[in-house]
Amino acid sequence: MILATLLLQVSPVVSADGLANAYLVCDIFEKTGISTECQASNVTSTVDVILATTGEEAQQVCLVVADRMAQMGRAFGGRWQLRIFAPDRAAEPLAACALR
């Protein structure tokens, strides 16, 4: 998986804040080319990603990203959430998981 390979390159940094880490998540999605859009919001504490994928794959991607960011010491203060939406931007995300 391209995303998992790129996540291996994330360096450990424990001093970055939640918003800086949220922008890093968007940067990772953009570098892989699998996302058509990613937005980080400090107001809602969400990282919203648009992916052309299935619900099952979206959940796997969500968990991989959340786990890898936590392993690398990228803290989100327990209030951030990664949400993956389909390209039609339905009101409900395909997957959502907490960024720790």
C-alpha atoms as a PDB file:
ATOM      1  CA  MET A   1       0.000   0.000   0.000  1.00  0.00           C
ATOM      2  CA  ILE A   2       1.454   3.343  -1.067  1.00  0.00           C
ATOM      3  CA  LEU A   3       0.027   5.135   1.945  1.00  0.00           C
ATOM      4  CA  ALA A   4       1.637   2.728   4.429  1.00  0.00           C
ATOM      5  CA  THR A   5       5.009   3.100   2.687  1.00  0.00           C
ATOM      6  CA  LEU A   6       4.837   6.879   2.813  1.00  0.00           C
ATOM      7  CA  LEU A   7       3.807   6.806   6.468  1.00  0.00           C
ATOM      8  CA  LEU A   8       7.044   4.991   7.248  1.00  0.00           C
ATOM      9  CA  GLN A   9       8.808   8.206   6.277  1.00  0.00           C
ATOM     10  CA  VAL A  10       7.003  10.294   8.908  1.00  0.00           C
ATOM     11  CA  SER A  11       9.585  11.376  11.421  1.00  0.00           C
ATOM     12  CA  PRO A  12       8.825  11.269  15.139  1.00  0.00           C
ATOM     13  CA  VAL A  13       8.103  14.695  16.579  1.00  0.00           C
ATOM     14  CA  VAL A  14       6.315  15.074  19.877  1.00  0.00           C
ATOM     15  CA  SER A  15       6.297  18.874  20.033  1.00  0.00           C
ATOM     16  CA  ALA A  16       4.009  19.586  17.054  1.00  0.00           C
ATOM     17  CA  ASP A  17       0.458  20.630  17.879  1.00  0.00           C
ATOM     18  CA  GLY A  18      -2.738  18.983  16.644  1.00  0.00           C
ATOM     19  CA  LEU A  19      -3.236  21.386  13.744  1.00  0.00           C
ATOM     20  CA  ALA A  20       0.344  20.983  12.499  1.00  0.00           C
ATOM     21  CA  ASN A  21      -0.088  17.215  12.647  1.00  0.00           C
ATOM     22  CA  ALA A  22      -3.434  17.490  10.846  1.00  0.00           C
ATOM     23  CA  TYR A  23      -1.715  19.365   8.027  1.00  0.00           C
ATOM     24  CA  LEU A  24       0.878  16.583   7.938  1.00  0.00           C
ATOM     25  CA  VAL A  25      -1.916  14.028   7.473  1.00  0.00           C
ATOM     26  CA  CYS A  26      -3.231  16.050   4.510  1.00  0.00           C
ATOM     27  CA  ASP A  27       0.288  16.313   3.102  1.00  0.00           C
ATOM     28  CA  ILE A  28       0.664  12.534   3.272  1.00  0.00           C
ATOM     29  CA  PHE A  29      -2.603  11.987   1.397  1.00  0.00           C
ATOM     30  CA  GLU A  30      -1.633  14.565  -1.231  1.00  0.00           C
ATOM     31  CA  LYS A  31       1.824  13.044  -1.786  1.00  0.00           C
ATOM     32  CA  THR A  32       0.367   9.594  -2.395  1.00  0.00           C
ATOM     33  CA  GLY A  33      -2.051  10.988  -4.966  1.00  0.00           C
ATOM     34  CA  ILE A  34      -4.907   8.852  -3.621  1.00  0.00           C
ATOM     35  CA  SER A  35      -6.895  11.813  -2.323  1.00  0.00           C
ATOM     36  CA  THR A  36      -8.626  14.411  -4.439  1.00  0.00           C
ATOM     37  CA  GLU A  37      -9.070  16.743  -1.491  1.00  0.00           C
ATOM     38  CA  CYS A  38      -8.025  17.057   2.160  1.00  0.00           C
ATOM     39  CA  GLN A  39      -8.963  19.757   4.654  1.00  0.00           C
ATOM     40  CA  ALA A  40      -7.848  20.202   8.238  1.00  0.00           C
ATOM     41  CA  SER A  41     -10.040  22.284  10.549  1.00  0.00           C
ATOM     42  CA  ASN A  42      -8.905  23.513  13.939  1.00  0.00           C
ATOM     43  CA  VAL A  43     -12.486  24.657  14.643  1.00  0.00           C
ATOM     44  CA  THR A  44     -14.030  21.186  14.292  1.00  0.00           C
ATOM     45  CA  SER A  45     -10.810  19.236  15.062  1.00  0.00           C
ATOM     46  CA  THR A  46     -11.259  17.164  11.933  1.00  0.00           C
ATOM     47  CA  VAL A  47      -9.203  16.076   8.977  1.00  0.00           C
ATOM     48  CA  ASP A  48     -11.614  15.445   6.099  1.00  0.00           C
ATOM     49  CA  VAL A  49     -10.317  13.458   3.139  1.00  0.00           C
ATOM     50  CA  ILE A  50     -12.063  12.688  -0.139  1.00  0.00           C
ATOM     51  CA  LEU A  51     -11.179   9.218  -1.494  1.00  0.00           C
ATOM     52  CA  ALA A  52     -12.596   7.112  -4.286  1.00  0.00           C
ATOM     53  CA  THR A  53     -12.733   3.863  -2.333  1.00  0.00           C
ATOM     54  CA  THR A  54     -15.029   1.432  -0.571  1.00  0.00           C
ATOM     55  CA  GLY A  55     -16.163   1.739   3.024  1.00  0.00           C
ATOM     56  CA  GLU A  56     -14.017  -1.241   4.031  1.00  0.00           C
ATOM     57  CA  GLU A  57     -10.863   0.180   2.432  1.00  0.00           C
ATOM     58  CA  ALA A  58     -11.597   3.614   3.898  1.00  0.00           C
ATOM     59  CA  GLN A  59     -11.762   2.095   7.378  1.00  0.00           C
ATOM     60  CA  GLN A  60      -8.434   0.313   6.831  1.00  0.00           C
ATOM     61  CA  VAL A  61      -6.764   3.512   5.609  1.00  0.00           C
ATOM     62  CA  CYS A  62      -8.201   5.428   8.551  1.00  0.00           C
ATOM     63  CA  LEU A  63      -6.832   2.957  11.084  1.00  0.00           C
ATOM     64  CA  VAL A  64      -3.413   2.728   9.412  1.00  0.00           C
ATOM     65  CA  VAL A  65      -3.013   6.503   9.416  1.00  0.00           C
ATOM     66  CA  ALA A  66      -4.189   6.898  13.026  1.00  0.00           C
ATOM     67  CA  ASP A  67      -1.950   4.069  14.282  1.00  0.00           C
ATOM     68  CA  ARG A  68       1.140   5.233  12.423  1.00  0.00           C
ATOM     69  CA  MET A  69       0.757   8.843  13.544  1.00  0.00           C
ATOM     70  CA  ALA A  70       0.451   7.649  17.152  1.00  0.00           C
ATOM     71  CA  GLN A  71       3.485   5.368  16.802  1.00  0.00           C
ATOM     72  CA  MET A  72       5.523   8.297  15.548  1.00  0.00           C
ATOM     73  CA  GLY A  73       4.565  10.477  18.507  1.00  0.00           C
ATOM     74  CA  ARG A  74       2.369  12.801  16.464  1.00  0.00           C
ATOM     75  CA  ALA A  75      -0.073  13.848  19.195  1.00  0.00           C
ATOM     76  CA  PHE A  76      -3.488  15.322  18.472  1.00  0.00           C
ATOM     77  CA  GLY A  77      -4.557  15.915  22.071  1.00  0.00           C
ATOM     78  CA  GLY A  78      -7.257  13.257  21.868  1.00  0.00           C
ATOM     79  CA  ARG A  79      -9.761  15.552  20.210  1.00  0.00           C
ATOM     80  CA  TRP A  80      -8.999  15.212  16.489  1.00  0.00           C
ATOM     81  CA  GLN A  81     -10.780  12.876  14.084  1.00  0.00           C
ATOM     82  CA  LEU A  82      -9.881  11.641  10.601  1.00  0.00           C
ATOM     83  CA  ARG A  83     -12.950  11.327   8.378  1.00  0.00           C
ATOM     84  CA  ILE A  84     -12.904   9.781   4.911  1.00  0.00           C
ATOM     85  CA  PHE A  85     -15.648  10.745   2.479  1.00  0.00           C
ATOM     86  CA  ALA A  86     -16.641   9.451  -0.955  1.00  0.00           C
ATOM     87  CA  PRO A  87     -16.157  11.799  -3.928  1.00  0.00           C
ATOM     88  CA  ASP A  88     -19.898  12.555  -3.980  1.00  0.00           C
ATOM     89  CA  ARG A  89     -19.368  14.150  -0.537  1.00  0.00           C
ATOM     90  CA  ALA A  90     -22.228  12.376   1.158  1.00  0.00           C
ATOM     91  CA  ALA A  91     -23.156  13.747   4.557  1.00  0.00           C
ATOM     92  CA  GLU A  92     -21.886  10.601   6.289  1.00  0.00           C
ATOM     93  CA  PRO A  93     -18.229   9.610   6.031  1.00  0.00           C
ATOM     94  CA  LEU A  94     -17.225   6.196   4.711  1.00  0.00           C
ATOM     95  CA  ALA A  95     -14.978   5.895   7.765  1.00  0.00           C
ATOM     96  CA  ALA A  96     -13.998   7.916  10.826  1.00  0.00           C
ATOM     97  CA  CYS A  97     -11.391   7.301  13.483  1.00  0.00           C
ATOM     98  CA  ALA A  98      -9.793   9.170  16.341  1.00  0.00           C
ATOM     99  CA  LEU A  99      -6.366  10.724  15.928  1.00  0.00           C
ATOM    100  CA  ARG A 100      -4.766  10.311  19.348  1.00  0.00           C
END
